Amino acid sequence: MATSMLNRAAMCLAICGGATALSDVNDAGFWLVGSFLEIDEKTTLKSWTIMETLIGVTALIVSLIISLFA
């Protein structure tokens, strides 16, 4: 079964979006952002987790739209 390049791109985007969502303190980016911006762990956890979840959900929505029109 052959798939188009757009379907492959949508699958890749969905996988990456799912892996990005719901980040926590084990993420290296969490500590990088917290130390670079000099904010405490509680504030970093709130902002970093919300931002990463928004990125993941946006990627999943875009991959759904791509797969509908591919």
PDB file of N, CA and C in Angstrom:
ATOM      1  N   MET A   1       0.835  -1.175   0.000  1.00  0.00           N
ATOM      2  CA  MET A   1       0.000   0.000   0.000  1.00  0.00           C
ATOM      3  C   MET A   1       0.886   1.246   0.000  1.00  0.00           C
ATOM      4  N   ALA A   2       0.777   2.048  -1.020  1.00  0.00           N
ATOM      5  CA  ALA A   2       1.585   3.252  -1.154  1.00  0.00           C
ATOM      6  C   ALA A   2       0.905   4.429  -0.471  1.00  0.00           C
ATOM      7  N   THR A   3       1.699   5.251   0.183  1.00  0.00           N
ATOM      8  CA  THR A   3       1.169   6.460   0.805  1.00  0.00           C
ATOM      9  C   THR A   3       1.817   7.670   0.153  1.00  0.00           C
ATOM     10  N   SER A   4       1.094   8.759   0.111  1.00  0.00           N
ATOM     11  CA  SER A   4       1.639   9.970  -0.489  1.00  0.00           C
ATOM     12  C   SER A   4       2.618  10.643   0.472  1.00  0.00           C
ATOM     13  N   MET A   5       3.382  11.545  -0.065  1.00  0.00           N
ATOM     14  CA  MET A   5       4.347  12.274   0.759  1.00  0.00           C
ATOM     15  C   MET A   5       3.632  13.140   1.804  1.00  0.00           C
ATOM     16  N   LEU A   6       2.470  13.663   1.461  1.00  0.00           N
ATOM     17  CA  LEU A   6       1.726  14.464   2.435  1.00  0.00           C
ATOM     18  C   LEU A   6       1.219  13.608   3.593  1.00  0.00           C
ATOM     19  N   ASN A   7       0.785  12.388   3.307  1.00  0.00           N
ATOM     20  CA  ASN A   7       0.361  11.500   4.386  1.00  0.00           C
ATOM     21  C   ASN A   7       1.533  11.135   5.283  1.00  0.00           C
ATOM     22  N   ARG A   8       2.695  10.911   4.697  1.00  0.00           N
ATOM     23  CA  ARG A   8       3.891  10.628   5.499  1.00  0.00           C
ATOM     24  C   ARG A   8       4.265  11.826   6.365  1.00  0.00           C
ATOM     25  N   ALA A   9       4.155  13.016   5.798  1.00  0.00           N
ATOM     26  CA  ALA A   9       4.448  14.228   6.569  1.00  0.00           C
ATOM     27  C   ALA A   9       3.460  14.389   7.720  1.00  0.00           C
ATOM     28  N   ALA A  10       2.183  14.090   7.469  1.00  0.00           N
ATOM     29  CA  ALA A  10       1.168  14.189   8.518  1.00  0.00           C
ATOM     30  C   ALA A  10       1.438  13.177   9.635  1.00  0.00           C
ATOM     31  N   MET A  11       1.856  11.966   9.271  1.00  0.00           N
ATOM     32  CA  MET A  11       2.189  10.967  10.290  1.00  0.00           C
ATOM     33  C   MET A  11       3.383  11.415  11.127  1.00  0.00           C
ATOM     34  N   CYS A  12       4.394  11.958  10.479  1.00  0.00           N
ATOM     35  CA  CYS A  12       5.582  12.437  11.193  1.00  0.00           C
ATOM     36  C   CYS A  12       5.217  13.581  12.136  1.00  0.00           C
ATOM     37  N   LEU A  13       4.392  14.494  11.653  1.00  0.00           N
ATOM     38  CA  LEU A  13       3.964  15.621  12.468  1.00  0.00           C
ATOM     39  C   LEU A  13       3.133  15.155  13.664  1.00  0.00           C
ATOM     40  N   ALA A  14       2.281  14.155  13.467  1.00  0.00           N
ATOM     41  CA  ALA A  14       1.466  13.634  14.566  1.00  0.00           C
ATOM     42  C   ALA A  14       2.336  12.955  15.623  1.00  0.00           C
ATOM     43  N   ILE A  15       3.331  12.212  15.189  1.00  0.00           N
ATOM     44  CA  ILE A  15       4.234  11.548  16.135  1.00  0.00           C
ATOM     45  C   ILE A  15       5.027  12.575  16.925  1.00  0.00           C
ATOM     46  N   CYS A  16       5.564  13.569  16.236  1.00  0.00           N
ATOM     47  CA  CYS A  16       6.348  14.602  16.922  1.00  0.00           C
ATOM     48  C   CYS A  16       5.479  15.441  17.852  1.00  0.00           C
ATOM     49  N   GLY A  17       4.262  15.739  17.432  1.00  0.00           N
ATOM     50  CA  GLY A  17       3.353  16.505  18.289  1.00  0.00           C
ATOM     51  C   GLY A  17       2.972  15.746  19.541  1.00  0.00           C
ATOM     52  N   GLY A  18       2.733  14.446  19.401  1.00  0.00           N
ATOM     53  CA  GLY A  18       2.407  13.635  20.571  1.00  0.00           C
ATOM     54  C   GLY A  18       3.572  13.490  21.528  1.00  0.00           C
ATOM     55  N   ALA A  19       4.782  13.453  20.988  1.00  0.00           N
ATOM     56  CA  ALA A  19       5.968  13.334  21.842  1.00  0.00           C
ATOM     57  C   ALA A  19       6.291  14.639  22.553  1.00  0.00           C
ATOM     58  N   THR A  20       5.862  15.753  21.995  1.00  0.00           N
ATOM     59  CA  THR A  20       6.177  17.058  22.573  1.00  0.00           C
ATOM     60  C   THR A  20       5.228  17.435  23.701  1.00  0.00           C
ATOM     61  N   ALA A  21       3.987  17.010  23.617  1.00  0.00           N
ATOM     62  CA  ALA A  21       2.972  17.441  24.581  1.00  0.00           C
ATOM     63  C   ALA A  21       3.276  16.943  25.992  1.00  0.00           C
ATOM     64  N   LEU A  22       2.842  17.708  26.961  1.00  0.00           N
ATOM     65  CA  LEU A  22       2.943  17.380  28.390  1.00  0.00           C
ATOM     66  C   LEU A  22       4.373  17.148  28.857  1.00  0.00           C
ATOM     67  N   SER A  23       5.204  18.125  28.626  1.00  0.00           N
ATOM     68  CA  SER A  23       6.586  18.073  29.092  1.00  0.00           C
ATOM     69  C   SER A  23       6.627  18.294  30.606  1.00  0.00           C
ATOM     70  N   ASP A  24       7.690  17.831  31.244  1.00  0.00           N
ATOM     71  CA  ASP A  24       7.813  18.007  32.691  1.00  0.00           C
ATOM     72  C   ASP A  24       9.252  18.333  33.065  1.00  0.00           C
ATOM     73  N   VAL A  25       9.594  18.219  34.360  1.00  0.00           N
ATOM     74  CA  VAL A  25      10.909  18.638  34.844  1.00  0.00           C
ATOM     75  C   VAL A  25      12.044  17.734  34.374  1.00  0.00           C
ATOM     76  N   ASN A  26      11.753  16.590  33.794  1.00  0.00           N
ATOM     77  CA  ASN A  26      12.803  15.737  33.272  1.00  0.00           C
ATOM     78  C   ASN A  26      13.327  16.208  31.921  1.00  0.00           C
ATOM     79  N   ASP A  27      12.658  17.175  31.328  1.00  0.00           N
ATOM     80  CA  ASP A  27      13.039  17.698  30.029  1.00  0.00           C
ATOM     81  C   ASP A  27      14.210  18.669  30.177  1.00  0.00           C
ATOM     82  N   ALA A  28      15.222  18.517  29.332  1.00  0.00           N
ATOM     83  CA  ALA A  28      16.379  19.411  29.391  1.00  0.00           C
ATOM     84  C   ALA A  28      15.986  20.840  29.047  1.00  0.00           C
ATOM     85  N   GLY A  29      15.023  21.006  28.154  1.00  0.00           N
ATOM     86  CA  GLY A  29      14.569  22.345  27.797  1.00  0.00           C
ATOM     87  C   GLY A  29      13.959  23.075  28.975  1.00  0.00           C
ATOM     88  N   PHE A  30      13.319  22.340  29.859  1.00  0.00           N
ATOM     89  CA  PHE A  30      12.742  22.927  31.072  1.00  0.00           C
ATOM     90  C   PHE A  30      13.827  23.629  31.880  1.00  0.00           C
ATOM     91  N   TRP A  31      14.927  22.953  32.126  1.00  0.00           N
ATOM     92  CA  TRP A  31      16.003  23.517  32.933  1.00  0.00           C
ATOM     93  C   TRP A  31      16.752  24.609  32.180  1.00  0.00           C
ATOM     94  N   LEU A  32      16.877  24.466  30.875  1.00  0.00           N
ATOM     95  CA  LEU A  32      17.544  25.481  30.071  1.00  0.00           C
ATOM     96  C   LEU A  32      16.761  26.795  30.113  1.00  0.00           C
ATOM     97  N   VAL A  33      15.457  26.720  29.902  1.00  0.00           N
ATOM     98  CA  VAL A  33      14.616  27.920  29.926  1.00  0.00           C
ATOM     99  C   VAL A  33      14.601  28.526  31.321  1.00  0.00           C
ATOM    100  N   GLY A  34      14.464  27.679  32.340  1.00  0.00           N
ATOM    101  CA  GLY A  34      14.421  28.183  33.708  1.00  0.00           C
ATOM    102  C   GLY A  34      15.684  28.897  34.122  1.00  0.00           C
ATOM    103  N   SER A  35      16.836  28.337  33.776  1.00  0.00           N
ATOM    104  CA  SER A  35      18.093  28.976  34.170  1.00  0.00           C
ATOM    105  C   SER A  35      18.418  30.178  33.290  1.00  0.00           C
ATOM    106  N   PHE A  36      18.083  30.100  32.002  1.00  0.00           N
ATOM    107  CA  PHE A  36      18.380  31.214  31.098  1.00  0.00           C
ATOM    108  C   PHE A  36      17.537  32.446  31.433  1.00  0.00           C
ATOM    109  N   LEU A  37      16.255  32.232  31.740  1.00  0.00           N
ATOM    110  CA  LEU A  37      15.370  33.349  32.072  1.00  0.00           C
ATOM    111  C   LEU A  37      15.374  33.686  33.559  1.00  0.00           C
ATOM    112  N   GLU A  38      16.104  32.901  34.357  1.00  0.00           N
ATOM    113  CA  GLU A  38      16.238  33.114  35.802  1.00  0.00           C
ATOM    114  C   GLU A  38      14.878  33.179  36.501  1.00  0.00           C
ATOM    115  N   ILE A  39      14.063  32.157  36.244  1.00  0.00           N
ATOM    116  CA  ILE A  39      12.782  32.052  36.937  1.00  0.00           C
ATOM    117  C   ILE A  39      12.768  30.763  37.756  1.00  0.00           C
ATOM    118  N   ASP A  40      11.936  30.742  38.792  1.00  0.00           N
ATOM    119  CA  ASP A  40      11.909  29.587  39.685  1.00  0.00           C
ATOM    120  C   ASP A  40      11.235  28.385  39.020  1.00  0.00           C
ATOM    121  N   GLU A  41      11.368  27.224  39.670  1.00  0.00           N
ATOM    122  CA  GLU A  41      10.872  25.976  39.084  1.00  0.00           C
ATOM    123  C   GLU A  41       9.349  25.966  38.928  1.00  0.00           C
ATOM    124  N   LYS A  42       8.642  26.534  39.888  1.00  0.00           N
ATOM    125  CA  LYS A  42       7.174  26.526  39.827  1.00  0.00           C
ATOM    126  C   LYS A  42       6.674  27.319  38.622  1.00  0.00           C
ATOM    127  N   THR A  43       7.229  28.497  38.411  1.00  0.00           N
ATOM    128  CA  THR A  43       6.829  29.326  37.279  1.00  0.00           C
ATOM    129  C   THR A  43       7.258  28.687  35.962  1.00  0.00           C
ATOM    130  N   THR A  44       8.450  28.115  35.937  1.00  0.00           N
ATOM    131  CA  THR A  44       8.923  27.439  34.728  1.00  0.00           C
ATOM    132  C   THR A  44       8.033  26.255  34.399  1.00  0.00           C
ATOM    133  N   LEU A  45       7.639  25.494  35.403  1.00  0.00           N
ATOM    134  CA  LEU A  45       6.775  24.343  35.170  1.00  0.00           C
ATOM    135  C   LEU A  45       5.433  24.778  34.580  1.00  0.00           C
ATOM    136  N   LYS A  46       4.868  25.833  35.109  1.00  0.00           N
ATOM    137  CA  LYS A  46       3.592  26.328  34.576  1.00  0.00           C
ATOM    138  C   LYS A  46       3.730  26.784  33.129  1.00  0.00           C
ATOM    139  N   SER A  47       4.715  27.630  32.857  1.00  0.00           N
ATOM    140  CA  SER A  47       4.834  28.194  31.514  1.00  0.00           C
ATOM    141  C   SER A  47       5.344  27.172  30.502  1.00  0.00           C
ATOM    142  N   TRP A  48       6.349  26.374  30.853  1.00  0.00           N
ATOM    143  CA  TRP A  48       6.943  25.411  29.927  1.00  0.00           C
ATOM    144  C   TRP A  48       5.954  24.306  29.571  1.00  0.00           C
ATOM    145  N   THR A  49       5.243  23.778  30.548  1.00  0.00           N
ATOM    146  CA  THR A  49       4.295  22.704  30.280  1.00  0.00           C
ATOM    147  C   THR A  49       3.132  23.194  29.416  1.00  0.00           C
ATOM    148  N   ILE A  50       2.630  24.371  29.686  1.00  0.00           N
ATOM    149  CA  ILE A  50       1.542  24.919  28.884  1.00  0.00           C
ATOM    150  C   ILE A  50       2.014  25.172  27.455  1.00  0.00           C
ATOM    151  N   MET A  51       3.200  25.751  27.286  1.00  0.00           N
ATOM    152  CA  MET A  51       3.713  26.035  25.956  1.00  0.00           C
ATOM    153  C   MET A  51       3.952  24.750  25.163  1.00  0.00           C
ATOM    154  N   GLU A  52       4.560  23.762  25.772  1.00  0.00           N
ATOM    155  CA  GLU A  52       4.828  22.495  25.087  1.00  0.00           C
ATOM    156  C   GLU A  52       3.532  21.773  24.735  1.00  0.00           C
ATOM    157  N   THR A  53       2.541  21.840  25.592  1.00  0.00           N
ATOM    158  CA  THR A  53       1.256  21.213  25.300  1.00  0.00           C
ATOM    159  C   THR A  53       0.556  21.917  24.146  1.00  0.00           C
ATOM    160  N   LEU A  54       0.623  23.238  24.109  1.00  0.00           N
ATOM    161  CA  LEU A  54       0.047  23.978  22.984  1.00  0.00           C
ATOM    162  C   LEU A  54       0.741  23.632  21.668  1.00  0.00           C
ATOM    163  N   ILE A  55       2.053  23.493  21.692  1.00  0.00           N
ATOM    164  CA  ILE A  55       2.796  23.103  20.489  1.00  0.00           C
ATOM    165  C   ILE A  55       2.371  21.713  20.036  1.00  0.00           C
ATOM    166  N   GLY A  56       2.257  20.776  20.964  1.00  0.00           N
ATOM    167  CA  GLY A  56       1.865  19.415  20.624  1.00  0.00           C
ATOM    168  C   GLY A  56       0.458  19.326  20.065  1.00  0.00           C
ATOM    169  N   VAL A  57      -0.481  20.022  20.698  1.00  0.00           N
ATOM    170  CA  VAL A  57      -1.866  19.999  20.232  1.00  0.00           C
ATOM    171  C   VAL A  57      -1.983  20.676  18.867  1.00  0.00           C
ATOM    172  N   THR A  58      -1.269  21.771  18.665  1.00  0.00           N
ATOM    173  CA  THR A  58      -1.274  22.447  17.365  1.00  0.00           C
ATOM    174  C   THR A  58      -0.725  21.537  16.281  1.00  0.00           C
ATOM    175  N   ALA A  59       0.345  20.827  16.569  1.00  0.00           N
ATOM    176  CA  ALA A  59       0.919  19.895  15.589  1.00  0.00           C
ATOM    177  C   ALA A  59      -0.070  18.776  15.259  1.00  0.00           C
ATOM    178  N   LEU A  60      -0.776  18.274  16.250  1.00  0.00           N
ATOM    179  CA  LEU A  60      -1.762  17.230  15.990  1.00  0.00           C
ATOM    180  C   LEU A  60      -2.931  17.740  15.147  1.00  0.00           C
ATOM    181  N   ILE A  61      -3.373  18.954  15.404  1.00  0.00           N
ATOM    182  CA  ILE A  61      -4.463  19.528  14.609  1.00  0.00           C
ATOM    183  C   ILE A  61      -4.015  19.766  13.170  1.00  0.00           C
ATOM    184  N   VAL A  62      -2.814  20.290  12.996  1.00  0.00           N
ATOM    185  CA  VAL A  62      -2.289  20.514  11.639  1.00  0.00           C
ATOM    186  C   VAL A  62      -2.125  19.193  10.903  1.00  0.00           C
ATOM    187  N   SER A  63      -1.657  18.153  11.599  1.00  0.00           N
ATOM    188  CA  SER A  63      -1.508  16.862  10.933  1.00  0.00           C
ATOM    189  C   SER A  63      -2.856  16.276  10.537  1.00  0.00           C
ATOM    190  N   LEU A  64      -3.882  16.513  11.332  1.00  0.00           N
ATOM    191  CA  LEU A  64      -5.236  16.071  10.967  1.00  0.00           C
ATOM    192  C   LEU A  64      -5.732  16.810   9.734  1.00  0.00           C
ATOM    193  N   ILE A  65      -5.512  18.107   9.674  1.00  0.00           N
ATOM    194  CA  ILE A  65      -5.931  18.888   8.510  1.00  0.00           C
ATOM    195  C   ILE A  65      -5.175  18.441   7.258  1.00  0.00           C
ATOM    196  N   ILE A  66      -3.883  18.200   7.382  1.00  0.00           N
ATOM    197  CA  ILE A  66      -3.097  17.726   6.235  1.00  0.00           C
ATOM    198  C   ILE A  66      -3.615  16.378   5.759  1.00  0.00           C
ATOM    199  N   SER A  67      -3.894  15.481   6.706  1.00  0.00           N
ATOM    200  CA  SER A  67      -4.338  14.138   6.300  1.00  0.00           C
ATOM    201  C   SER A  67      -5.729  14.158   5.660  1.00  0.00           C
ATOM    202  N   LEU A  68      -6.563  15.131   6.017  1.00  0.00           N
ATOM    203  CA  LEU A  68      -7.889  15.228   5.412  1.00  0.00           C
ATOM    204  C   LEU A  68      -7.817  15.667   3.945  1.00  0.00           C
ATOM    205  N   PHE A  69      -6.850  16.516   3.615  1.00  0.00           N
ATOM    206  CA  PHE A  69      -6.761  17.046   2.270  1.00  0.00           C
ATOM    207  C   PHE A  69      -5.704  16.368   1.409  1.00  0.00           C
ATOM    208  N   ALA A  70      -4.981  15.415   1.967  1.00  0.00           N
ATOM    209  CA  ALA A  70      -3.938  14.729   1.188  1.00  0.00           C
ATOM    210  C   ALA A  70      -4.520  13.620   0.335  1.00  0.00           C
TER     211      ALA A  70
END
